[in-house]
Amino acid sequence: MDLFKPLLIIHIIGGSLSLVLGTVVLMIKKGTARHKLLGRIFYYAMLIAAIVSMPMSYLHPNYFLFIIGVFTSFMLLSGRRYMVNKGKPEWQDWLLTSLMLVFAMAFIGFGGYHMIRGDSFGLVFLVFGSVSLLFVYHDWTNFTGRSKISNYYLTTHLQRMLGSYIASVTAFLVVNNTILPPMIAWLLPTAAVTPLIVTWSRKHKKIAIQEAVY
């Protein structure tokens, strides 16, 4: 039995639903009951699409699909964990970050290898690997109490959910793109949505008050 076709159907349904709901969640007021409900549905739909993309990338070899699957799964799982633990990291949080570190180094190594061979698409691997390393560093800063933001769990949750939305838009654009150069299609959603991440993070963050010790 060919497992790829049923996995593809599940991936398309989950990805399409998360793309639509993610766009709606972006536009509605945050913190409301509707926002939480739609956000929860978006989370599970996107997570299912991301998880099934990994065996799909093995059955029909596709490195880029695998990257998106790993990257999106991490952002979704860690983003939700931040709201669950409310600033008190547990072993699950350290495990997720450690796994992301391994993948980040693999992405960077693979990207460097392709760039040396003259394949400009290696830049995509380098970009995703570098961003993954930033996530790992961000987690380490938060988990070890070095964050200067007192409600970092909220701002990080926001950043990771928006990051997973970027992945959803990227996947849609890459699959359906017939106009843009492939590299532009891969990187455009990140360039377009990142300013929103920066703006909303600044809006919601609370600077921790550092007490002087004499």
N, C-alpha and C. Protein backbone atom coordinates (compact mmCIF):
# COMPACT_ATOMS: atom_id res chain seq x y z
N MET A 1 0.84 -1.20 0.00
CA MET A 1 0.00 0.00 0.00
C MET A 1 0.88 1.26 0.00
N ASP A 2 0.56 2.21 -0.85
CA ASP A 2 1.30 3.46 -0.95
C ASP A 2 0.82 4.41 0.15
N LEU A 3 1.67 4.62 1.16
CA LEU A 3 1.30 5.48 2.28
C LEU A 3 1.36 6.96 1.92
N PHE A 4 2.05 7.29 0.83
CA PHE A 4 2.26 8.70 0.52
C PHE A 4 0.95 9.43 0.25
N LYS A 5 0.04 8.80 -0.50
CA LYS A 5 -1.20 9.47 -0.88
C LYS A 5 -2.07 9.84 0.32
N PRO A 6 -2.35 8.90 1.25
CA PRO A 6 -3.14 9.30 2.42
C PRO A 6 -2.43 10.34 3.29
N LEU A 7 -1.11 10.24 3.38
CA LEU A 7 -0.36 11.24 4.13
C LEU A 7 -0.46 12.61 3.45
N LEU A 8 -0.42 12.60 2.12
CA LEU A 8 -0.54 13.85 1.37
C LEU A 8 -1.90 14.49 1.60
N ILE A 9 -2.95 13.69 1.63
CA ILE A 9 -4.30 14.22 1.86
C ILE A 9 -4.39 14.86 3.25
N ILE A 10 -3.86 14.15 4.24
CA ILE A 10 -3.87 14.69 5.61
C ILE A 10 -3.07 15.98 5.67
N HIS A 11 -1.93 15.99 5.00
CA HIS A 11 -1.06 17.18 5.00
C HIS A 11 -1.77 18.37 4.35
N ILE A 12 -2.43 18.13 3.23
CA ILE A 12 -3.12 19.22 2.53
C ILE A 12 -4.27 19.78 3.37
N ILE A 13 -5.05 18.88 3.97
CA ILE A 13 -6.17 19.32 4.80
C ILE A 13 -5.67 20.14 6.00
N GLY A 14 -4.68 19.58 6.71
CA GLY A 14 -4.14 20.29 7.87
C GLY A 14 -3.48 21.60 7.49
N GLY A 15 -2.72 21.58 6.41
CA GLY A 15 -2.03 22.79 5.98
C GLY A 15 -2.99 23.87 5.51
N SER A 16 -4.01 23.48 4.76
CA SER A 16 -4.99 24.46 4.27
C SER A 16 -5.78 25.07 5.41
N LEU A 17 -6.20 24.22 6.35
CA LEU A 17 -6.97 24.71 7.50
C LEU A 17 -6.12 25.67 8.34
N SER A 18 -4.87 25.31 8.58
CA SER A 18 -4.01 26.18 9.38
C SER A 18 -3.70 27.49 8.67
N LEU A 19 -3.59 27.45 7.35
CA LEU A 19 -3.32 28.67 6.59
C LEU A 19 -4.48 29.65 6.72
N VAL A 20 -5.70 29.14 6.59
CA VAL A 20 -6.89 29.99 6.70
C VAL A 20 -7.06 30.51 8.12
N LEU A 21 -7.00 29.60 9.10
CA LEU A 21 -7.20 29.99 10.49
C LEU A 21 -6.09 30.90 10.99
N GLY A 22 -4.86 30.64 10.54
CA GLY A 22 -3.75 31.50 10.95
C GLY A 22 -3.95 32.92 10.49
N THR A 23 -4.46 33.08 9.29
CA THR A 23 -4.74 34.43 8.76
C THR A 23 -5.84 35.11 9.57
N VAL A 24 -6.87 34.35 9.92
CA VAL A 24 -7.97 34.91 10.72
C VAL A 24 -7.48 35.31 12.10
N VAL A 25 -6.69 34.44 12.73
CA VAL A 25 -6.16 34.73 14.07
C VAL A 25 -5.31 35.98 14.06
N LEU A 26 -4.59 36.21 12.99
CA LEU A 26 -3.77 37.41 12.88
C LEU A 26 -4.62 38.68 12.92
N MET A 27 -5.84 38.60 12.40
CA MET A 27 -6.66 39.79 12.22
C MET A 27 -7.60 40.08 13.38
N ILE A 28 -7.91 39.07 14.20
CA ILE A 28 -8.86 39.28 15.29
C ILE A 28 -8.15 39.71 16.57
N LYS A 29 -8.92 40.20 17.52
CA LYS A 29 -8.36 40.67 18.79
C LYS A 29 -7.76 39.52 19.57
N LYS A 30 -6.57 39.77 20.11
CA LYS A 30 -5.86 38.73 20.84
C LYS A 30 -6.41 38.58 22.27
N GLY A 31 -6.38 37.34 22.76
CA GLY A 31 -6.79 37.08 24.14
C GLY A 31 -8.25 36.80 24.33
N THR A 32 -9.06 36.93 23.27
CA THR A 32 -10.49 36.66 23.39
C THR A 32 -10.75 35.16 23.31
N ALA A 33 -11.98 34.77 23.67
CA ALA A 33 -12.34 33.35 23.60
C ALA A 33 -12.26 32.84 22.17
N ARG A 34 -12.65 33.66 21.22
CA ARG A 34 -12.58 33.25 19.81
C ARG A 34 -11.14 33.08 19.37
N HIS A 35 -10.28 33.98 19.80
CA HIS A 35 -8.87 33.89 19.46
C HIS A 35 -8.26 32.59 20.01
N LYS A 36 -8.60 32.26 21.24
CA LYS A 36 -8.06 31.04 21.86
C LYS A 36 -8.58 29.78 21.16
N LEU A 37 -9.87 29.77 20.81
CA LEU A 37 -10.45 28.60 20.15
C LEU A 37 -9.84 28.38 18.77
N LEU A 38 -9.82 29.45 17.97
CA LEU A 38 -9.27 29.33 16.62
C LEU A 38 -7.77 29.05 16.66
N GLY A 39 -7.10 29.64 17.64
CA GLY A 39 -5.67 29.39 17.80
C GLY A 39 -5.38 27.95 18.13
N ARG A 40 -6.25 27.34 18.95
CA ARG A 40 -6.06 25.94 19.32
C ARG A 40 -6.26 25.02 18.11
N ILE A 41 -7.29 25.33 17.31
CA ILE A 41 -7.53 24.53 16.11
C ILE A 41 -6.38 24.69 15.12
N PHE A 42 -5.90 25.94 14.98
CA PHE A 42 -4.74 26.20 14.12
C PHE A 42 -3.55 25.38 14.58
N TYR A 43 -3.32 25.33 15.88
CA TYR A 43 -2.18 24.61 16.43
C TYR A 43 -2.21 23.13 16.04
N TYR A 44 -3.33 22.47 16.28
CA TYR A 44 -3.41 21.04 16.01
C TYR A 44 -3.39 20.75 14.51
N ALA A 45 -4.06 21.59 13.71
CA ALA A 45 -4.06 21.39 12.26
C ALA A 45 -2.66 21.53 11.69
N MET A 46 -1.95 22.56 12.16
CA MET A 46 -0.60 22.80 11.66
C MET A 46 0.36 21.74 12.14
N LEU A 47 0.20 21.29 13.39
CA LEU A 47 1.09 20.27 13.93
C LEU A 47 0.93 18.95 13.17
N ILE A 48 -0.30 18.58 12.88
CA ILE A 48 -0.54 17.35 12.12
C ILE A 48 0.10 17.45 10.73
N ALA A 49 -0.09 18.59 10.08
CA ALA A 49 0.49 18.78 8.74
C ALA A 49 2.02 18.71 8.80
N ALA A 50 2.60 19.27 9.84
CA ALA A 50 4.06 19.28 9.97
C ALA A 50 4.61 17.88 10.23
N ILE A 51 3.94 17.16 11.11
CA ILE A 51 4.42 15.83 11.49
C ILE A 51 4.36 14.86 10.30
N VAL A 52 3.23 14.87 9.57
CA VAL A 52 3.12 13.93 8.45
C VAL A 52 4.04 14.31 7.29
N SER A 53 4.50 15.56 7.26
CA SER A 53 5.41 15.96 6.18
C SER A 53 6.76 15.27 6.28
N MET A 54 7.14 14.85 7.49
CA MET A 54 8.45 14.22 7.65
C MET A 54 8.50 12.82 7.04
N PRO A 55 7.53 11.92 7.31
CA PRO A 55 7.56 10.65 6.57
C PRO A 55 7.31 10.83 5.08
N MET A 56 6.56 11.87 4.71
CA MET A 56 6.36 12.16 3.29
C MET A 56 7.68 12.49 2.61
N SER A 57 8.52 13.26 3.31
CA SER A 57 9.80 13.66 2.73
C SER A 57 10.74 12.48 2.60
N TYR A 58 10.49 11.42 3.35
CA TYR A 58 11.28 10.20 3.24
C TYR A 58 10.77 9.31 2.10
N LEU A 59 9.44 9.17 2.01
CA LEU A 59 8.84 8.32 0.97
C LEU A 59 9.10 8.88 -0.42
N HIS A 60 8.97 10.21 -0.55
CA HIS A 60 9.31 10.89 -1.79
C HIS A 60 10.38 11.92 -1.42
N PRO A 61 11.65 11.57 -1.47
CA PRO A 61 12.72 12.41 -0.95
C PRO A 61 12.59 13.89 -1.30
N ASN A 62 12.50 14.69 -0.24
CA ASN A 62 12.34 16.13 -0.42
C ASN A 62 12.93 16.81 0.82
N TYR A 63 14.16 17.32 0.69
CA TYR A 63 14.85 17.93 1.82
C TYR A 63 14.10 19.14 2.37
N PHE A 64 13.55 19.93 1.47
CA PHE A 64 12.92 21.17 1.89
C PHE A 64 11.64 20.91 2.69
N LEU A 65 10.89 19.89 2.28
CA LEU A 65 9.69 19.52 3.03
C LEU A 65 10.08 19.06 4.43
N PHE A 66 11.20 18.36 4.53
CA PHE A 66 11.66 17.89 5.84
C PHE A 66 12.05 19.08 6.72
N ILE A 67 12.73 20.06 6.14
CA ILE A 67 13.13 21.26 6.90
C ILE A 67 11.91 21.95 7.47
N ILE A 68 10.91 22.18 6.62
CA ILE A 68 9.70 22.87 7.07
C ILE A 68 9.01 22.06 8.16
N GLY A 69 8.97 20.73 8.00
CA GLY A 69 8.33 19.88 8.99
C GLY A 69 8.99 19.99 10.35
N VAL A 70 10.33 19.89 10.38
CA VAL A 70 11.08 20.00 11.63
C VAL A 70 10.93 21.38 12.25
N PHE A 71 11.13 22.40 11.43
CA PHE A 71 11.09 23.78 11.89
C PHE A 71 9.72 24.13 12.47
N THR A 72 8.67 23.74 11.76
CA THR A 72 7.31 24.06 12.19
C THR A 72 6.93 23.29 13.45
N SER A 73 7.28 22.02 13.50
CA SER A 73 6.96 21.21 14.69
C SER A 73 7.60 21.81 15.93
N PHE A 74 8.84 22.23 15.81
CA PHE A 74 9.53 22.83 16.95
C PHE A 74 8.84 24.10 17.41
N MET A 75 8.53 24.97 16.47
CA MET A 75 7.91 26.25 16.85
C MET A 75 6.55 26.03 17.51
N LEU A 76 5.77 25.13 16.97
CA LEU A 76 4.45 24.85 17.54
C LEU A 76 4.56 24.26 18.94
N LEU A 77 5.37 23.21 19.08
CA LEU A 77 5.48 22.52 20.36
C LEU A 77 6.11 23.41 21.42
N SER A 78 7.18 24.10 21.08
CA SER A 78 7.84 24.96 22.06
C SER A 78 6.99 26.19 22.36
N GLY A 79 6.31 26.73 21.34
CA GLY A 79 5.44 27.88 21.57
C GLY A 79 4.31 27.56 22.54
N ARG A 80 3.72 26.39 22.40
CA ARG A 80 2.67 25.98 23.33
C ARG A 80 3.24 25.71 24.72
N ARG A 81 4.42 25.09 24.77
CA ARG A 81 5.04 24.80 26.06
C ARG A 81 5.30 26.07 26.86
N TYR A 82 5.64 27.15 26.20
CA TYR A 82 5.90 28.41 26.90
C TYR A 82 4.65 28.90 27.65
N MET A 83 3.49 28.71 27.05
CA MET A 83 2.26 29.13 27.72
C MET A 83 1.82 28.14 28.78
N VAL A 84 2.28 26.89 28.66
CA VAL A 84 1.94 25.88 29.66
C VAL A 84 2.79 26.03 30.92
N ASN A 85 4.10 26.21 30.72
CA ASN A 85 4.99 26.25 31.90
C ASN A 85 5.11 27.64 32.53
N LYS A 86 4.66 28.68 31.80
CA LYS A 86 4.66 30.04 32.34
C LYS A 86 6.00 30.43 32.98
N GLY A 87 7.08 30.16 32.27
CA GLY A 87 8.37 30.59 32.76
C GLY A 87 9.07 29.61 33.68
N LYS A 88 8.53 28.40 33.82
CA LYS A 88 9.17 27.38 34.65
C LYS A 88 9.48 26.16 33.77
N PRO A 89 10.61 26.19 33.07
CA PRO A 89 10.94 25.11 32.12
C PRO A 89 11.06 23.75 32.78
N GLU A 90 10.60 22.73 32.08
CA GLU A 90 10.70 21.35 32.54
C GLU A 90 11.56 20.57 31.54
N TRP A 91 11.72 19.27 31.78
CA TRP A 91 12.62 18.47 30.94
C TRP A 91 12.17 18.44 29.50
N GLN A 92 10.82 18.51 29.27
CA GLN A 92 10.33 18.50 27.89
C GLN A 92 10.85 19.71 27.12
N ASP A 93 10.94 20.85 27.80
CA ASP A 93 11.39 22.07 27.15
C ASP A 93 12.88 21.98 26.78
N TRP A 94 13.68 21.44 27.69
CA TRP A 94 15.11 21.27 27.40
C TRP A 94 15.32 20.26 26.27
N LEU A 95 14.50 19.22 26.24
CA LEU A 95 14.61 18.20 25.19
C LEU A 95 14.31 18.80 23.82
N LEU A 96 13.25 19.58 23.72
CA LEU A 96 12.89 20.22 22.45
C LEU A 96 14.02 21.12 21.96
N THR A 97 14.57 21.91 22.87
CA THR A 97 15.65 22.82 22.50
C THR A 97 16.90 22.07 22.07
N SER A 98 17.22 20.98 22.76
CA SER A 98 18.40 20.19 22.42
C SER A 98 18.24 19.56 21.03
N LEU A 99 17.05 19.05 20.73
CA LEU A 99 16.81 18.47 19.41
C LEU A 99 16.92 19.54 18.33
N MET A 100 16.42 20.75 18.62
CA MET A 100 16.51 21.81 17.63
C MET A 100 17.95 22.21 17.39
N LEU A 101 18.79 22.15 18.42
CA LEU A 101 20.21 22.46 18.26
C LEU A 101 20.86 21.47 17.29
N VAL A 102 20.54 20.20 17.43
CA VAL A 102 21.09 19.17 16.54
C VAL A 102 20.67 19.44 15.10
N PHE A 103 19.38 19.72 14.89
CA PHE A 103 18.90 19.98 13.54
C PHE A 103 19.49 21.27 12.98
N ALA A 104 19.66 22.28 13.83
CA ALA A 104 20.22 23.55 13.37
C ALA A 104 21.63 23.35 12.82
N MET A 105 22.43 22.60 13.54
CA MET A 105 23.80 22.35 13.08
C MET A 105 23.80 21.53 11.79
N ALA A 106 22.85 20.59 11.69
CA ALA A 106 22.75 19.78 10.47
C ALA A 106 22.34 20.64 9.27
N PHE A 107 21.39 21.55 9.49
CA PHE A 107 20.95 22.43 8.41
C PHE A 107 22.11 23.31 7.93
N ILE A 108 22.85 23.87 8.88
CA ILE A 108 23.96 24.75 8.52
C ILE A 108 25.05 23.97 7.78
N GLY A 109 25.36 22.77 8.27
CA GLY A 109 26.36 21.94 7.60
C GLY A 109 25.93 21.56 6.20
N PHE A 110 24.67 21.18 6.06
CA PHE A 110 24.15 20.78 4.76
C PHE A 110 24.11 21.98 3.81
N GLY A 111 23.73 23.15 4.36
CA GLY A 111 23.70 24.36 3.54
C GLY A 111 25.07 24.76 3.06
N GLY A 112 26.07 24.67 3.96
CA GLY A 112 27.44 24.99 3.58
C GLY A 112 27.95 24.05 2.50
N TYR A 113 27.61 22.78 2.62
CA TYR A 113 28.02 21.78 1.63
C TYR A 113 27.46 22.13 0.25
N HIS A 114 26.17 22.50 0.19
CA HIS A 114 25.56 22.84 -1.09
C HIS A 114 26.12 24.13 -1.66
N MET A 115 26.42 25.11 -0.79
CA MET A 115 26.99 26.37 -1.28
C MET A 115 28.37 26.13 -1.88
N ILE A 116 29.17 25.28 -1.24
CA ILE A 116 30.50 24.96 -1.76
C ILE A 116 30.40 24.31 -3.13
N ARG A 117 29.34 23.52 -3.33
CA ARG A 117 29.15 22.85 -4.62
C ARG A 117 28.52 23.77 -5.66
N GLY A 118 28.27 25.03 -5.30
CA GLY A 118 27.73 25.98 -6.24
C GLY A 118 26.22 26.00 -6.32
N ASP A 119 25.54 25.33 -5.39
CA ASP A 119 24.09 25.31 -5.37
C ASP A 119 23.59 26.42 -4.46
N SER A 120 23.02 27.48 -5.06
CA SER A 120 22.59 28.64 -4.28
C SER A 120 21.46 28.34 -3.31
N PHE A 121 20.77 27.20 -3.51
CA PHE A 121 19.70 26.84 -2.61
C PHE A 121 20.24 26.46 -1.23
N GLY A 122 21.55 26.28 -1.15
CA GLY A 122 22.16 26.05 0.15
C GLY A 122 21.90 27.21 1.10
N LEU A 123 21.65 28.40 0.52
CA LEU A 123 21.36 29.57 1.34
C LEU A 123 20.09 29.37 2.17
N VAL A 124 19.11 28.66 1.61
CA VAL A 124 17.88 28.39 2.34
C VAL A 124 18.18 27.57 3.60
N PHE A 125 19.02 26.55 3.45
CA PHE A 125 19.42 25.74 4.60
C PHE A 125 20.14 26.60 5.64
N LEU A 126 21.02 27.47 5.17
CA LEU A 126 21.79 28.32 6.07
C LEU A 126 20.87 29.28 6.83
N VAL A 127 19.88 29.83 6.13
CA VAL A 127 18.95 30.76 6.78
C VAL A 127 18.15 30.05 7.86
N PHE A 128 17.55 28.91 7.51
CA PHE A 128 16.74 28.18 8.49
C PHE A 128 17.61 27.65 9.63
N GLY A 129 18.83 27.22 9.33
CA GLY A 129 19.72 26.76 10.38
C GLY A 129 20.11 27.88 11.33
N SER A 130 20.39 29.06 10.79
CA SER A 130 20.76 30.21 11.60
C SER A 130 19.60 30.66 12.49
N VAL A 131 18.41 30.70 11.92
CA VAL A 131 17.23 31.08 12.71
C VAL A 131 16.98 30.06 13.82
N SER A 132 17.20 28.78 13.51
CA SER A 132 17.04 27.73 14.51
C SER A 132 18.02 27.93 15.66
N LEU A 133 19.25 28.31 15.35
CA LEU A 133 20.23 28.58 16.40
C LEU A 133 19.80 29.76 17.27
N LEU A 134 19.21 30.76 16.65
CA LEU A 134 18.70 31.89 17.43
C LEU A 134 17.60 31.45 18.39
N PHE A 135 16.74 30.55 17.93
CA PHE A 135 15.71 30.00 18.81
C PHE A 135 16.32 29.27 20.00
N VAL A 136 17.34 28.47 19.71
CA VAL A 136 18.01 27.71 20.77
C VAL A 136 18.63 28.66 21.79
N TYR A 137 19.32 29.68 21.30
CA TYR A 137 19.93 30.67 22.20
C TYR A 137 18.86 31.40 23.01
N HIS A 138 17.76 31.72 22.35
CA HIS A 138 16.65 32.39 23.02
C HIS A 138 16.11 31.51 24.15
N ASP A 139 15.93 30.23 23.88
CA ASP A 139 15.44 29.30 24.90
C ASP A 139 16.42 29.22 26.07
N TRP A 140 17.69 29.09 25.75
CA TRP A 140 18.71 29.00 26.80
C TRP A 140 18.69 30.24 27.69
N THR A 141 18.55 31.41 27.07
CA THR A 141 18.47 32.66 27.83
C THR A 141 17.26 32.66 28.76
N ASN A 142 16.13 32.22 28.24
CA ASN A 142 14.91 32.20 29.05
C ASN A 142 14.98 31.16 30.16
N PHE A 143 15.42 29.96 29.80
CA PHE A 143 15.41 28.85 30.77
C PHE A 143 16.38 29.06 31.92
N THR A 144 17.44 29.82 31.68
CA THR A 144 18.45 30.03 32.72
C THR A 144 18.26 31.34 33.48
N GLY A 145 17.10 32.00 33.26
CA GLY A 145 16.78 33.21 34.00
C GLY A 145 17.53 34.44 33.56
N ARG A 146 18.06 34.44 32.34
CA ARG A 146 18.83 35.58 31.86
C ARG A 146 18.02 36.56 31.02
N SER A 147 16.76 36.27 30.81
CA SER A 147 15.92 37.15 30.00
C SER A 147 15.64 38.46 30.73
N LYS A 148 15.65 39.55 29.99
CA LYS A 148 15.34 40.85 30.56
C LYS A 148 13.85 41.18 30.44
N ILE A 149 13.08 40.23 29.92
CA ILE A 149 11.64 40.41 29.75
C ILE A 149 10.92 39.53 30.78
N SER A 150 10.14 40.14 31.65
CA SER A 150 9.51 39.38 32.73
C SER A 150 8.44 38.42 32.22
N ASN A 151 7.73 38.80 31.17
CA ASN A 151 6.69 37.93 30.60
C ASN A 151 7.17 37.31 29.29
N TYR A 152 8.40 36.84 29.30
CA TYR A 152 8.99 36.29 28.07
C TYR A 152 8.21 35.10 27.54
N TYR A 153 7.51 34.39 28.41
CA TYR A 153 6.72 33.24 27.95
C TYR A 153 5.62 33.69 26.98
N LEU A 154 5.07 34.89 27.20
CA LEU A 154 4.02 35.41 26.32
C LEU A 154 4.60 35.86 24.98
N THR A 155 5.68 36.64 25.04
CA THR A 155 6.26 37.15 23.80
C THR A 155 6.85 36.00 22.96
N THR A 156 7.44 35.02 23.64
CA THR A 156 8.00 33.88 22.90
C THR A 156 6.90 33.03 22.28
N HIS A 157 5.81 32.84 23.01
CA HIS A 157 4.65 32.13 22.46
C HIS A 157 4.17 32.82 21.18
N LEU A 158 4.07 34.14 21.25
CA LEU A 158 3.64 34.92 20.09
C LEU A 158 4.59 34.74 18.92
N GLN A 159 5.88 34.81 19.20
CA GLN A 159 6.88 34.68 18.14
C GLN A 159 6.86 33.30 17.49
N ARG A 160 6.72 32.27 18.30
CA ARG A 160 6.75 30.92 17.75
C ARG A 160 5.48 30.61 16.94
N MET A 161 4.33 31.08 17.41
CA MET A 161 3.10 30.83 16.65
C MET A 161 3.13 31.57 15.31
N LEU A 162 3.62 32.80 15.33
CA LEU A 162 3.74 33.54 14.07
C LEU A 162 4.78 32.88 13.16
N GLY A 163 5.81 32.33 13.77
CA GLY A 163 6.81 31.62 12.99
C GLY A 163 6.23 30.40 12.29
N SER A 164 5.36 29.68 12.99
CA SER A 164 4.73 28.51 12.37
C SER A 164 3.77 28.94 11.26
N TYR A 165 3.16 30.11 11.43
CA TYR A 165 2.30 30.64 10.37
C TYR A 165 3.13 30.98 9.13
N ILE A 166 4.32 31.53 9.34
CA ILE A 166 5.23 31.81 8.24
C ILE A 166 5.53 30.53 7.47
N ALA A 167 5.75 29.45 8.22
CA ALA A 167 6.04 28.17 7.58
C ALA A 167 4.86 27.70 6.74
N SER A 168 3.64 27.91 7.24
CA SER A 168 2.44 27.51 6.51
C SER A 168 2.32 28.28 5.19
N VAL A 169 2.55 29.59 5.26
CA VAL A 169 2.47 30.43 4.07
C VAL A 169 3.59 30.06 3.09
N THR A 170 4.78 29.80 3.64
CA THR A 170 5.91 29.43 2.80
C THR A 170 5.62 28.15 2.02
N ALA A 171 5.09 27.15 2.72
CA ALA A 171 4.77 25.88 2.05
C ALA A 171 3.76 26.09 0.94
N PHE A 172 2.73 26.88 1.22
CA PHE A 172 1.70 27.15 0.21
C PHE A 172 2.29 27.87 -0.99
N LEU A 173 3.13 28.87 -0.72
CA LEU A 173 3.70 29.66 -1.80
C LEU A 173 4.65 28.84 -2.67
N VAL A 174 5.47 28.02 -2.02
CA VAL A 174 6.44 27.22 -2.76
C VAL A 174 5.74 26.20 -3.66
N VAL A 175 4.70 25.56 -3.12
CA VAL A 175 3.99 24.53 -3.88
C VAL A 175 3.25 25.12 -5.08
N ASN A 176 2.67 26.31 -4.88
CA ASN A 176 1.82 26.88 -5.92
C ASN A 176 2.50 27.97 -6.75
N ASN A 177 3.74 28.28 -6.46
CA ASN A 177 4.44 29.36 -7.14
C ASN A 177 4.76 29.01 -8.59
N THR A 178 4.41 29.91 -9.50
CA THR A 178 4.75 29.75 -10.92
C THR A 178 5.41 31.01 -11.48
N ILE A 179 5.61 32.01 -10.62
CA ILE A 179 6.12 33.30 -11.08
C ILE A 179 7.46 33.65 -10.45
N LEU A 180 7.53 33.57 -9.12
CA LEU A 180 8.72 34.02 -8.40
C LEU A 180 9.88 33.03 -8.52
N PRO A 181 11.12 33.52 -8.46
CA PRO A 181 12.27 32.62 -8.38
C PRO A 181 12.13 31.75 -7.12
N PRO A 182 12.52 30.49 -7.18
CA PRO A 182 12.33 29.58 -6.03
C PRO A 182 12.85 30.12 -4.71
N MET A 183 14.04 30.73 -4.70
CA MET A 183 14.60 31.21 -3.45
C MET A 183 13.75 32.34 -2.86
N ILE A 184 13.22 33.21 -3.73
CA ILE A 184 12.36 34.30 -3.27
C ILE A 184 11.08 33.74 -2.65
N ALA A 185 10.52 32.73 -3.28
CA ALA A 185 9.31 32.10 -2.75
C ALA A 185 9.54 31.52 -1.37
N TRP A 186 10.73 30.98 -1.14
CA TRP A 186 11.04 30.38 0.15
C TRP A 186 11.24 31.43 1.24
N LEU A 187 11.82 32.56 0.89
CA LEU A 187 12.20 33.54 1.91
C LEU A 187 11.25 34.72 2.05
N LEU A 188 10.36 34.94 1.06
CA LEU A 188 9.46 36.09 1.10
C LEU A 188 8.54 36.11 2.31
N PRO A 189 7.86 35.01 2.66
CA PRO A 189 6.98 35.05 3.85
C PRO A 189 7.72 35.44 5.13
N THR A 190 8.94 34.95 5.28
CA THR A 190 9.73 35.31 6.46
C THR A 190 10.00 36.80 6.49
N ALA A 191 10.37 37.36 5.35
CA ALA A 191 10.66 38.79 5.27
C ALA A 191 9.41 39.64 5.49
N ALA A 192 8.24 39.12 5.08
CA ALA A 192 7.00 39.89 5.18
C ALA A 192 6.41 39.88 6.59
N VAL A 193 6.49 38.75 7.28
CA VAL A 193 5.81 38.62 8.58
C VAL A 193 6.72 38.96 9.75
N THR A 194 8.03 38.88 9.57
CA THR A 194 8.96 39.18 10.67
C THR A 194 8.74 40.56 11.28
N PRO A 195 8.46 41.62 10.48
CA PRO A 195 8.18 42.92 11.11
C PRO A 195 6.99 42.87 12.08
N LEU A 196 5.99 42.05 11.79
CA LEU A 196 4.87 41.90 12.72
C LEU A 196 5.32 41.27 14.03
N ILE A 197 6.18 40.28 13.92
CA ILE A 197 6.71 39.62 15.11
C ILE A 197 7.44 40.63 15.99
N VAL A 198 8.28 41.45 15.37
CA VAL A 198 9.05 42.45 16.11
C VAL A 198 8.12 43.47 16.76
N THR A 199 7.15 43.96 15.99
CA THR A 199 6.23 44.99 16.49
C THR A 199 5.39 44.48 17.65
N TRP A 200 4.77 43.31 17.51
CA TRP A 200 3.91 42.79 18.56
C TRP A 200 4.71 42.36 19.79
N SER A 201 5.91 41.89 19.59
CA SER A 201 6.75 41.51 20.73
C SER A 201 7.08 42.75 21.56
N ARG A 202 7.40 43.83 20.91
CA ARG A 202 7.70 45.08 21.63
C ARG A 202 6.46 45.61 22.35
N LYS A 203 5.31 45.42 21.74
CA LYS A 203 4.07 45.92 22.33
C LYS A 203 3.71 45.18 23.62
N HIS A 204 3.93 43.87 23.65
CA HIS A 204 3.47 43.06 24.78
C HIS A 204 4.52 42.77 25.83
N LYS A 205 5.79 43.05 25.56
CA LYS A 205 6.82 42.67 26.52
C LYS A 205 6.83 43.61 27.72
N LYS A 206 7.22 43.05 28.84
CA LYS A 206 7.38 43.81 30.07
C LYS A 206 8.83 43.64 30.53
N ILE A 207 9.51 44.75 30.69
CA ILE A 207 10.91 44.70 31.07
C ILE A 207 11.02 44.33 32.55
N ALA A 208 11.83 43.34 32.82
CA ALA A 208 12.03 42.92 34.20
C ALA A 208 12.80 43.99 34.96
N ILE A 209 12.39 44.26 36.18
CA ILE A 209 13.05 45.24 37.02
C ILE A 209 14.22 44.58 37.75
N GLN A 210 15.40 45.03 37.47
CA GLN A 210 16.58 44.47 38.08
C GLN A 210 16.87 45.21 39.39
N GLU A 211 16.88 44.48 40.49
CA GLU A 211 17.13 45.09 41.78
C GLU A 211 18.65 45.17 42.02
N ALA A 212 19.08 46.33 42.45
CA ALA A 212 20.51 46.49 42.72
C ALA A 212 20.87 45.82 44.04
N VAL A 213 22.03 45.20 44.06
CA VAL A 213 22.51 44.52 45.26
C VAL A 213 23.69 45.31 45.82
N TYR A 214 23.58 45.72 47.08
CA TYR A 214 24.64 46.51 47.69
C TYR A 214 25.32 45.71 48.79
